C-alpha atoms as a PDB file:
ATOM      1  CA  MET A   1       1.650 -57.930  35.624  1.00  0.00           C
ATOM      2  CA  ASP A   2      -2.006 -58.731  35.357  1.00  0.00           C
ATOM      3  CA  PRO A   3      -3.102 -60.363  38.750  1.00  0.00           C
ATOM      4  CA  ARG A   4      -4.956 -63.149  36.786  1.00  0.00           C
ATOM      5  CA  LEU A   5      -1.990 -63.973  34.890  1.00  0.00           C
ATOM      6  CA  LEU A   6       0.025 -64.206  38.072  1.00  0.00           C
ATOM      7  CA  GLU A   7      -2.453 -66.479  39.619  1.00  0.00           C
ATOM      8  CA  TYR A   8      -2.478 -68.705  36.561  1.00  0.00           C
ATOM      9  CA  TYR A   9       1.300 -69.071  36.580  1.00  0.00           C
ATOM     10  CA  ASN A  10       1.246 -69.821  40.250  1.00  0.00           C
ATOM     11  CA  ARG A  11      -1.245 -72.637  39.798  1.00  0.00           C
ATOM     12  CA  GLU A  12       0.670 -73.868  36.765  1.00  0.00           C
ATOM     13  CA  LEU A  13       3.907 -73.918  38.901  1.00  0.00           C
ATOM     14  CA  SER A  14       2.183 -75.759  41.798  1.00  0.00           C
ATOM     15  CA  TYR A  15       0.796 -78.295  39.525  1.00  0.00           C
ATOM     16  CA  LEU A  16       4.172 -78.952  37.851  1.00  0.00           C
ATOM     17  CA  ARG A  17       5.923 -79.134  41.360  1.00  0.00           C
ATOM     18  CA  GLU A  18       3.377 -81.566  42.530  1.00  0.00           C
ATOM     19  CA  THR A  19       3.657 -83.722  39.370  1.00  0.00           C
ATOM     20  CA  VAL A  20       7.439 -83.732  39.705  1.00  0.00           C
ATOM     21  CA  LEU A  21       7.536 -84.474  43.356  1.00  0.00           C
ATOM     22  CA  SER A  22       4.911 -87.311  43.208  1.00  0.00           C
ATOM     23  CA  SER A  23       6.864 -89.158  40.465  1.00  0.00           C
ATOM     24  CA  PRO A  24       9.735 -91.599  41.157  1.00  0.00           C
ATOM     25  CA  PRO A  25      13.047 -89.465  40.811  1.00  0.00           C
ATOM     26  CA  SER A  26      14.179 -91.687  38.039  1.00  0.00           C
ATOM     27  CA  ILE A  27      11.103 -91.097  35.806  1.00  0.00           C
ATOM     28  CA  PRO A  28      10.293 -87.478  35.167  1.00  0.00           C
ATOM     29  CA  LYS A  29       6.598 -87.425  34.505  1.00  0.00           C
ATOM     30  CA  LEU A  30       4.950 -84.785  32.310  1.00  0.00           C
ATOM     31  CA  PRO A  31       1.277 -84.043  31.982  1.00  0.00           C
ATOM     32  CA  PRO A  32      -0.301 -85.993  29.029  1.00  0.00           C
ATOM     33  CA  ASP A  33      -0.922 -82.879  27.086  1.00  0.00           C
ATOM     34  CA  TRP A  34       2.586 -81.385  27.659  1.00  0.00           C
ATOM     35  CA  GLY A  35       3.723 -82.003  24.014  1.00  0.00           C
ATOM     36  CA  CYS A  36       0.861 -80.295  22.382  1.00  0.00           C
ATOM     37  CA  ARG A  37       0.773 -77.227  24.723  1.00  0.00           C
ATOM     38  CA  GLU A  38       1.429 -73.734  23.317  1.00  0.00           C
ATOM     39  CA  PRO A  39       4.282 -72.075  25.156  1.00  0.00           C
ATOM     40  CA  ILE A  40       2.432 -70.204  27.993  1.00  0.00           C
ATOM     41  CA  LEU A  41       5.002 -67.598  28.929  1.00  0.00           C
ATOM     42  CA  PRO A  42       5.690 -64.783  26.311  1.00  0.00           C
ATOM     43  CA  THR A  43       9.422 -63.926  26.340  1.00  0.00           C
ATOM     44  CA  ARG A  44       8.703 -60.183  26.700  1.00  0.00           C
ATOM     45  CA  MET A  45       7.248 -60.826  30.146  1.00  0.00           C
ATOM     46  CA  TRP A  46      10.681 -61.813  31.396  1.00  0.00           C
ATOM     47  CA  ASN A  47      12.147 -58.590  30.164  1.00  0.00           C
ATOM     48  CA  ALA A  48       9.362 -56.438  31.538  1.00  0.00           C
END
């Protein structure tokens, strides 16, 4: 896997983790642009 991709996914995961942990448990909070994001993880990478 491309190291730059790996770094990007790690940043993304950290961001999501922080977002989830910093919200009240009863209110899942998503980034404002979540709905209009393109899927960032191509399925074939899971199978690689």
